[in-house]
Protein backbone atom coordinates (compact mmCIF):
# COMPACT_ATOMS: atom_id res chain seq x y z
CA MET A 1 91.51 42.77 153.33
CA SER A 2 88.66 42.48 150.93
CA TRP A 3 87.67 44.73 148.16
CA LEU A 4 84.86 46.12 150.17
CA GLU A 5 87.12 47.07 153.07
CA PHE A 6 89.67 48.52 150.65
CA LEU A 7 87.03 50.67 149.00
CA GLU A 8 85.66 51.82 152.35
CA LYS A 9 89.12 52.85 153.56
CA PHE A 10 90.34 54.56 150.36
CA ALA A 11 87.05 55.84 148.88
CA GLY A 12 87.72 59.45 149.91
CA PRO A 13 91.25 59.67 148.47
CA ILE A 14 90.24 57.81 145.29
CA ALA A 15 87.30 60.18 144.80
CA THR A 16 89.66 63.14 145.29
CA VAL A 17 92.09 61.77 142.67
CA ILE A 18 89.27 61.13 140.22
CA ALA A 19 87.85 64.61 140.80
CA SER A 20 91.32 66.13 140.31
CA PHE A 21 91.83 64.31 137.01
CA THR A 22 88.35 65.35 135.88
CA ALA A 23 89.01 69.01 136.82
CA ALA A 24 92.39 68.88 135.05
CA GLY A 25 90.75 67.41 131.94
CA VAL A 26 88.05 70.08 131.91
CA THR A 27 90.65 72.84 132.46
CA ILE A 28 92.81 71.52 129.63
CA GLY A 29 89.72 71.39 127.38
CA PHE A 30 88.84 75.00 128.25
CA GLY A 31 92.46 76.04 127.66
CA ILE A 32 92.47 74.41 124.23
CA ASP A 33 89.19 76.14 123.36
CA GLN A 34 90.55 79.50 124.58
CA THR A 35 93.70 79.03 122.45
CA ARG A 36 91.56 78.22 119.41
CA ILE A 37 89.38 81.31 120.06
CA ALA A 38 92.48 83.50 120.47
CA ARG A 39 93.87 82.26 117.13
CA VAL A 40 90.56 83.06 115.42
CA GLN A 41 90.60 86.51 117.02
CA VAL A 42 94.13 87.12 115.75
CA LYS A 43 93.05 86.14 112.23
CA THR A 44 90.00 88.41 112.54
CA ALA A 45 92.19 91.31 113.69
CA GLU A 46 94.57 90.73 110.76
CA ALA A 47 91.62 90.68 108.36
CA GLN A 48 90.29 93.91 109.90
CA LYS A 49 93.73 95.49 109.51
CA ASP A 50 93.80 94.46 105.85
CA ILE A 51 90.29 95.86 105.35
CA ALA A 52 91.28 99.12 107.04
CA GLN A 53 94.36 99.38 104.80
CA ALA A 54 92.21 98.71 101.72
CA ASN A 55 89.78 101.42 102.85
CA LEU A 56 92.68 103.82 103.35
CA ASP A 57 93.97 103.01 99.85
CA ILE A 58 90.49 103.56 98.41
CA ALA A 59 90.14 106.89 100.22
CA TYR A 60 93.56 108.00 98.95
CA ASP A 61 92.65 106.98 95.40
CA LYS A 62 89.34 108.83 95.67
CA LEU A 63 91.20 111.95 96.79
CA LYS A 64 93.60 111.65 93.85
CA HIS A 65 90.67 111.07 91.51
CA ASP A 66 88.82 114.09 92.88
CA LEU A 67 91.93 116.24 92.42
CA PHE A 68 92.76 114.82 89.01
CA GLN A 69 90.44 117.04 86.98
CA LYS A 70 91.70 120.24 88.64
CA ARG A 71 95.31 119.11 88.36
CA TYR A 72 94.93 118.12 84.75
CA GLU A 73 93.35 121.49 83.91
CA ILE A 74 96.38 123.22 85.43
CA TYR A 75 98.75 120.94 83.53
CA MET A 76 96.90 121.68 80.28
CA ALA A 77 96.91 125.40 81.09
CA ALA A 78 100.69 125.33 81.53
CA LYS A 79 101.08 123.41 78.29
CA THR A 80 98.69 125.62 76.33
CA LEU A 81 100.26 128.75 77.79
CA ILE A 82 103.68 127.83 76.49
CA GLU A 83 102.21 126.83 73.13
CA THR A 84 100.27 130.10 72.92
CA ILE A 85 103.39 132.14 73.69
CA PHE A 86 105.14 130.60 70.72
CA ALA A 87 102.11 130.93 68.47
CA GLN A 88 102.11 134.71 68.99
CA SER A 89 105.47 136.30 68.87
CA PRO A 90 105.79 139.12 69.84
CA VAL A 91 103.22 138.46 72.55
CA ASN A 92 100.39 140.85 73.21
CA VAL A 93 100.39 141.29 77.00
CA ALA A 94 96.70 142.11 77.04
CA ASP A 95 95.72 138.83 75.32
CA PRO A 96 92.83 137.47 77.46
CA LYS A 97 93.73 133.84 76.73
CA ILE A 98 97.24 134.32 78.12
CA LYS A 99 95.87 136.04 81.22
CA GLU A 100 93.37 133.22 81.76
CA LEU A 101 96.04 130.54 81.38
CA ARG A 102 98.47 132.34 83.70
CA LEU A 103 95.75 132.50 86.35
CA LYS A 104 94.98 128.80 85.93
CA VAL A 105 98.68 127.86 86.28
CA ASP A 106 98.81 130.04 89.40
CA GLU A 107 96.12 127.78 90.96
CA ALA A 108 98.73 125.00 91.19
CA ARG A 109 99.46 126.21 94.71
CA PHE A 110 96.13 124.75 95.83
CA PHE A 111 96.42 121.29 94.33
CA PHE A 112 100.02 120.15 93.91
CA SER A 113 103.07 119.11 95.84
CA PRO A 114 105.77 121.73 96.54
CA GLU A 115 107.92 120.40 93.68
CA THR A 116 105.14 120.74 91.09
CA ARG A 117 104.18 124.16 92.46
CA ALA A 118 107.80 125.30 92.10
CA PHE A 119 107.79 124.02 88.52
CA CYS A 120 104.61 126.00 87.75
CA GLU A 121 106.17 129.09 89.34
CA GLU A 122 109.21 128.61 87.09
CA ILE A 123 106.89 128.48 84.06
CA GLU A 124 105.20 131.69 85.20
CA LYS A 125 108.57 133.39 85.74
CA ARG A 126 109.73 132.48 82.26
CA VAL A 127 106.41 133.47 80.66
CA TYR A 128 106.67 136.79 82.44
CA GLY A 129 110.21 137.23 81.04
CA VAL A 130 108.90 136.67 77.51
CA LEU A 131 106.00 139.06 78.02
CA VAL A 132 108.16 141.82 79.49
CA ALA A 133 110.72 141.53 76.70
CA ALA A 134 108.01 141.46 74.02
CA GLN A 135 106.30 144.50 75.50
CA ALA A 136 109.58 146.41 75.76
CA VAL A 137 110.42 145.67 72.11
CA THR A 138 107.27 147.41 70.94
CA GLY A 139 108.42 150.68 72.53
CA TYR A 140 111.34 151.13 70.12
CA SER A 141 111.49 151.70 66.40
CA GLU A 142 113.12 149.10 64.14
CA ASP A 143 116.37 151.01 63.68
CA ARG A 144 117.18 151.48 67.40
CA PRO A 145 120.00 149.32 68.90
CA GLU A 146 117.96 148.95 72.10
CA ARG A 147 115.33 147.09 70.10
CA MET A 148 117.94 144.52 68.99
CA GLU A 149 119.05 143.99 72.60
CA LEU A 150 115.45 143.58 73.70
CA ARG A 151 114.82 141.14 70.84
CA ASP A 152 117.82 139.13 72.09
CA GLN A 153 116.38 139.18 75.64
CA GLN A 154 113.03 138.05 74.27
CA ALA A 155 114.65 135.24 72.28
CA LYS A 156 116.59 134.07 75.38
CA ALA A 157 113.39 134.17 77.46
CA GLU A 158 111.56 132.15 74.80
CA ILE A 159 114.39 129.60 74.68
CA ALA A 160 114.28 129.27 78.48
CA LEU A 161 110.54 128.69 78.24
CA ALA A 162 110.99 126.19 75.42
CA ASP A 163 113.39 124.21 77.64
CA ILE A 164 110.55 123.58 80.08
CA PHE A 165 108.11 122.20 77.50
CA PRO A 166 109.64 118.70 77.18
CA GLN A 167 109.64 118.36 80.99
CA LEU A 168 105.92 119.02 81.44
CA ALA A 169 104.58 115.47 81.29
CA LYS A 170 107.41 114.06 83.43
CA ARG A 171 106.98 116.74 86.10
CA PHE A 172 103.21 116.22 86.36
CA GLU A 173 103.38 112.42 86.10
CA ARG A 174 103.62 111.70 89.84
CA ASP A 175 100.71 114.00 90.72
CA LEU A 176 98.45 112.94 87.84
CA GLY A 177 99.30 109.24 87.68
CA PHE A 178 97.20 106.53 89.35
CA GLU A 179 99.46 104.15 91.31
CA GLN A 180 97.31 101.10 90.54
CA LEU A 181 97.92 101.66 86.86
CA THR A 182 101.49 102.95 86.88
CA LYS A 183 103.41 101.00 89.51
CA PRO A 184 104.78 97.55 88.62
CA ARG A 185 103.10 94.56 90.23
């Protein structure tokens, strides 16, 4: 059998084998390209996730920044209120500055976490105790025993208020602090 006869007899099967190997090679090439594309898509999705997280962090920081001025005003009102109470003893209940500061501290309910709001409510409660005791003292003459009892109540209320003062900065720290500046890296 010569080469020519061999080729005539087996040309069809040889062509089929060659076509099969060619198709397999093309399929493998497409598969490799698809795998490469999928890996790039995974990296793109991860980058998009990181960008979305960064945008979320920026939005959260913007919210904290926008709230900072209001929050800081309330913090300063609480601080100044306590300082004003001690600067004027006995306290004049009608003092407009005290009324203004009490109203500002009351606005904490709109801007702070429940813990900070509770702290501001505690300040208000203690300020109210001082004011009530101071007002009651003025209703009695110096020589009345009731006046001494009321002075004691006022002093205890002022001490309770004074106990809060050193806690102010620590209590407001979480709400007023910027994480990028305060958390360790």
